[in-house]
Amino acid sequence: LIIEHFIPDLEAEKLKQRAYLDENSGCWQLMPITQTDQMHTSVTRERPKAARPGAARAVTVFAQMQSQIDKNPRYKSDNIMTVELDMPEATTTEYTGSAANARVKDALD
């Protein structure tokens, strides 16, 4: 009932082709998409992997070379910008030695 009213006819037919009854559990299951490819149905496939291992997306050779030379985030794969560290101004004074009273110094020694 839900499939008939809320899913387009073409997509509903694809779902019906993938569905099968699992006799062990008594429930309807869907075949993995890779098995339905053999039935020549149009299903969504996984996007191709990047050529470089560990890369999130494809990167041209030019962009690879520029990312090593140029700090522009345009050529970085993760869009992370490298910035210089700005050192804060000192808010404390430098220690110049003990300013304690002479009697205190004698007591400590």
C-alpha atoms as a PDB file:
ATOM      1  CA  LEU A   1       0.000   0.000   0.000  1.00  0.00           C
ATOM      2  CA  ILE A   2       2.796   2.435   0.895  1.00  0.00           C
ATOM      3  CA  ILE A   3       4.842   1.451  -2.163  1.00  0.00           C
ATOM      4  CA  GLU A   4       1.867   2.011  -4.467  1.00  0.00           C
ATOM      5  CA  HIS A   5       1.126   5.501  -3.160  1.00  0.00           C
ATOM      6  CA  PHE A   6       4.524   6.989  -2.305  1.00  0.00           C
ATOM      7  CA  ILE A   7       7.111   5.387  -4.611  1.00  0.00           C
ATOM      8  CA  PRO A   8       7.232   5.927  -8.395  1.00  0.00           C
ATOM      9  CA  ASP A   9       6.239   2.905 -10.478  1.00  0.00           C
ATOM     10  CA  LEU A  10       9.713   2.356 -11.945  1.00  0.00           C
ATOM     11  CA  GLU A  11      11.371   2.387  -8.517  1.00  0.00           C
ATOM     12  CA  ALA A  12       8.662   0.127  -7.082  1.00  0.00           C
ATOM     13  CA  GLU A  13       9.318  -2.402  -9.840  1.00  0.00           C
ATOM     14  CA  LYS A  14      13.036  -2.361  -9.024  1.00  0.00           C
ATOM     15  CA  LEU A  15      12.245  -3.026  -5.366  1.00  0.00           C
ATOM     16  CA  LYS A  16       9.939  -5.904  -6.257  1.00  0.00           C
ATOM     17  CA  GLN A  17      12.673  -7.486  -8.405  1.00  0.00           C
ATOM     18  CA  ARG A  18      15.150  -7.292  -5.513  1.00  0.00           C
ATOM     19  CA  ALA A  19      12.747  -8.661  -2.889  1.00  0.00           C
ATOM     20  CA  TYR A  20      12.803 -12.328  -1.841  1.00  0.00           C
ATOM     21  CA  LEU A  21      11.373 -14.319   1.066  1.00  0.00           C
ATOM     22  CA  ASP A  22      13.998 -15.579   3.506  1.00  0.00           C
ATOM     23  CA  GLU A  23      12.694 -18.987   4.542  1.00  0.00           C
ATOM     24  CA  ASN A  24      14.891 -19.167   7.656  1.00  0.00           C
ATOM     25  CA  SER A  25      13.519 -15.991   9.235  1.00  0.00           C
ATOM     26  CA  GLY A  26      10.178 -15.862   7.411  1.00  0.00           C
ATOM     27  CA  CYS A  27      10.762 -12.202   6.484  1.00  0.00           C
ATOM     28  CA  TRP A  28      11.059 -10.446   3.166  1.00  0.00           C
ATOM     29  CA  GLN A  29      14.629  -9.335   2.378  1.00  0.00           C
ATOM     30  CA  LEU A  30      16.217  -7.262  -0.398  1.00  0.00           C
ATOM     31  CA  MET A  31      19.025  -8.710  -2.490  1.00  0.00           C
ATOM     32  CA  PRO A  32      22.221  -6.640  -2.503  1.00  0.00           C
ATOM     33  CA  ILE A  33      22.426  -4.242  -5.412  1.00  0.00           C
ATOM     34  CA  THR A  34      25.440  -6.036  -6.892  1.00  0.00           C
ATOM     35  CA  GLN A  35      23.312  -9.144  -7.465  1.00  0.00           C
ATOM     36  CA  THR A  36      20.586  -7.171  -9.196  1.00  0.00           C
ATOM     37  CA  ASP A  37      23.112  -5.827 -11.723  1.00  0.00           C
ATOM     38  CA  GLN A  38      22.962  -9.223 -13.371  1.00  0.00           C
ATOM     39  CA  MET A  39      19.235  -8.673 -13.979  1.00  0.00           C
ATOM     40  CA  HIS A  40      20.076  -5.598 -16.095  1.00  0.00           C
ATOM     41  CA  THR A  41      18.144  -3.158 -13.944  1.00  0.00           C
ATOM     42  CA  SER A  42      19.282   0.405 -13.508  1.00  0.00           C
ATOM     43  CA  VAL A  43      20.312   0.784  -9.884  1.00  0.00           C
ATOM     44  CA  THR A  44      22.421   3.347  -8.156  1.00  0.00           C
ATOM     45  CA  ARG A  45      26.039   2.325  -7.930  1.00  0.00           C
ATOM     46  CA  GLU A  46      28.817   3.346  -5.602  1.00  0.00           C
ATOM     47  CA  ARG A  47      30.872   6.301  -6.728  1.00  0.00           C
ATOM     48  CA  PRO A  48      34.315   5.457  -8.121  1.00  0.00           C
ATOM     49  CA  LYS A  49      37.206   5.597  -5.700  1.00  0.00           C
ATOM     50  CA  ALA A  50      39.898   8.247  -5.985  1.00  0.00           C
ATOM     51  CA  ALA A  51      43.040   7.280  -7.850  1.00  0.00           C
ATOM     52  CA  ARG A  52      45.289   8.212  -4.928  1.00  0.00           C
ATOM     53  CA  PRO A  53      44.944   5.927  -1.910  1.00  0.00           C
ATOM     54  CA  GLY A  54      43.533   7.791   1.055  1.00  0.00           C
ATOM     55  CA  ALA A  55      42.281  10.734  -1.015  1.00  0.00           C
ATOM     56  CA  ALA A  56      38.678  11.780  -0.552  1.00  0.00           C
ATOM     57  CA  ARG A  57      38.247  12.796  -4.181  1.00  0.00           C
ATOM     58  CA  ALA A  58      40.086  12.853  -7.479  1.00  0.00           C
ATOM     59  CA  VAL A  59      42.851  15.469  -7.706  1.00  0.00           C
ATOM     60  CA  THR A  60      44.604  16.519 -10.901  1.00  0.00           C
ATOM     61  CA  VAL A  61      48.372  16.329 -11.206  1.00  0.00           C
ATOM     62  CA  PHE A  62      48.510  20.102 -11.539  1.00  0.00           C
ATOM     63  CA  ALA A  63      46.609  20.549  -8.273  1.00  0.00           C
ATOM     64  CA  GLN A  64      48.944  18.071  -6.546  1.00  0.00           C
ATOM     65  CA  MET A  65      52.012  20.050  -7.654  1.00  0.00           C
ATOM     66  CA  GLN A  66      50.440  23.410  -6.801  1.00  0.00           C
ATOM     67  CA  SER A  67      49.434  22.212  -3.327  1.00  0.00           C
ATOM     68  CA  GLN A  68      53.110  21.613  -2.538  1.00  0.00           C
ATOM     69  CA  ILE A  69      54.194  25.019  -3.848  1.00  0.00           C
ATOM     70  CA  ASP A  70      51.257  27.343  -3.262  1.00  0.00           C
ATOM     71  CA  LYS A  71      49.576  27.820   0.118  1.00  0.00           C
ATOM     72  CA  ASN A  72      46.296  28.749  -1.544  1.00  0.00           C
ATOM     73  CA  PRO A  73      43.550  26.464  -0.131  1.00  0.00           C
ATOM     74  CA  ARG A  74      42.156  26.106  -3.651  1.00  0.00           C
ATOM     75  CA  TYR A  75      44.695  23.368  -4.349  1.00  0.00           C
ATOM     76  CA  LYS A  76      44.344  21.564  -1.020  1.00  0.00           C
ATOM     77  CA  SER A  77      42.124  18.490  -0.996  1.00  0.00           C
ATOM     78  CA  ASP A  78      40.686  19.207   2.454  1.00  0.00           C
ATOM     79  CA  ASN A  79      40.362  23.005   2.090  1.00  0.00           C
ATOM     80  CA  ILE A  80      42.505  23.558   5.161  1.00  0.00           C
ATOM     81  CA  MET A  81      44.280  26.874   5.192  1.00  0.00           C
ATOM     82  CA  THR A  82      47.795  27.167   6.629  1.00  0.00           C
ATOM     83  CA  VAL A  83      48.341  30.361   8.591  1.00  0.00           C
ATOM     84  CA  GLU A  84      51.291  31.757  10.501  1.00  0.00           C
ATOM     85  CA  LEU A  85      51.123  31.657  14.284  1.00  0.00           C
ATOM     86  CA  ASP A  86      50.588  35.094  15.842  1.00  0.00           C
ATOM     87  CA  MET A  87      52.432  35.241  19.137  1.00  0.00           C
ATOM     88  CA  PRO A  88      50.529  37.128  21.853  1.00  0.00           C
ATOM     89  CA  GLU A  89      52.069  40.028  23.742  1.00  0.00           C
ATOM     90  CA  ALA A  90      53.454  39.159  27.156  1.00  0.00           C
ATOM     91  CA  THR A  91      51.029  40.009  29.946  1.00  0.00           C
ATOM     92  CA  THR A  92      53.441  39.188  32.769  1.00  0.00           C
ATOM     93  CA  THR A  93      56.686  40.785  33.867  1.00  0.00           C
ATOM     94  CA  GLU A  94      60.003  39.038  33.816  1.00  0.00           C
ATOM     95  CA  TYR A  95      61.388  37.694  37.086  1.00  0.00           C
ATOM     96  CA  THR A  96      64.310  39.891  38.161  1.00  0.00           C
ATOM     97  CA  GLY A  97      65.286  38.154  41.366  1.00  0.00           C
ATOM     98  CA  SER A  98      64.142  38.152  44.912  1.00  0.00           C
ATOM     99  CA  ALA A  99      62.813  41.467  46.118  1.00  0.00           C
ATOM    100  CA  ALA A 100      62.340  40.083  49.605  1.00  0.00           C
ATOM    101  CA  ASN A 101      63.440  41.851  52.726  1.00  0.00           C
ATOM    102  CA  ALA A 102      66.973  41.169  54.000  1.00  0.00           C
ATOM    103  CA  ARG A 103      65.586  39.626  57.188  1.00  0.00           C
ATOM    104  CA  VAL A 104      63.523  37.158  55.147  1.00  0.00           C
ATOM    105  CA  LYS A 105      66.625  36.220  53.111  1.00  0.00           C
ATOM    106  CA  ASP A 106      68.561  35.561  56.300  1.00  0.00           C
ATOM    107  CA  ALA A 107      65.735  33.382  57.642  1.00  0.00           C
ATOM    108  CA  LEU A 108      65.668  31.303  54.472  1.00  0.00           C
ATOM    109  CA  ASP A 109      69.426  30.750  54.460  1.00  0.00           C
END
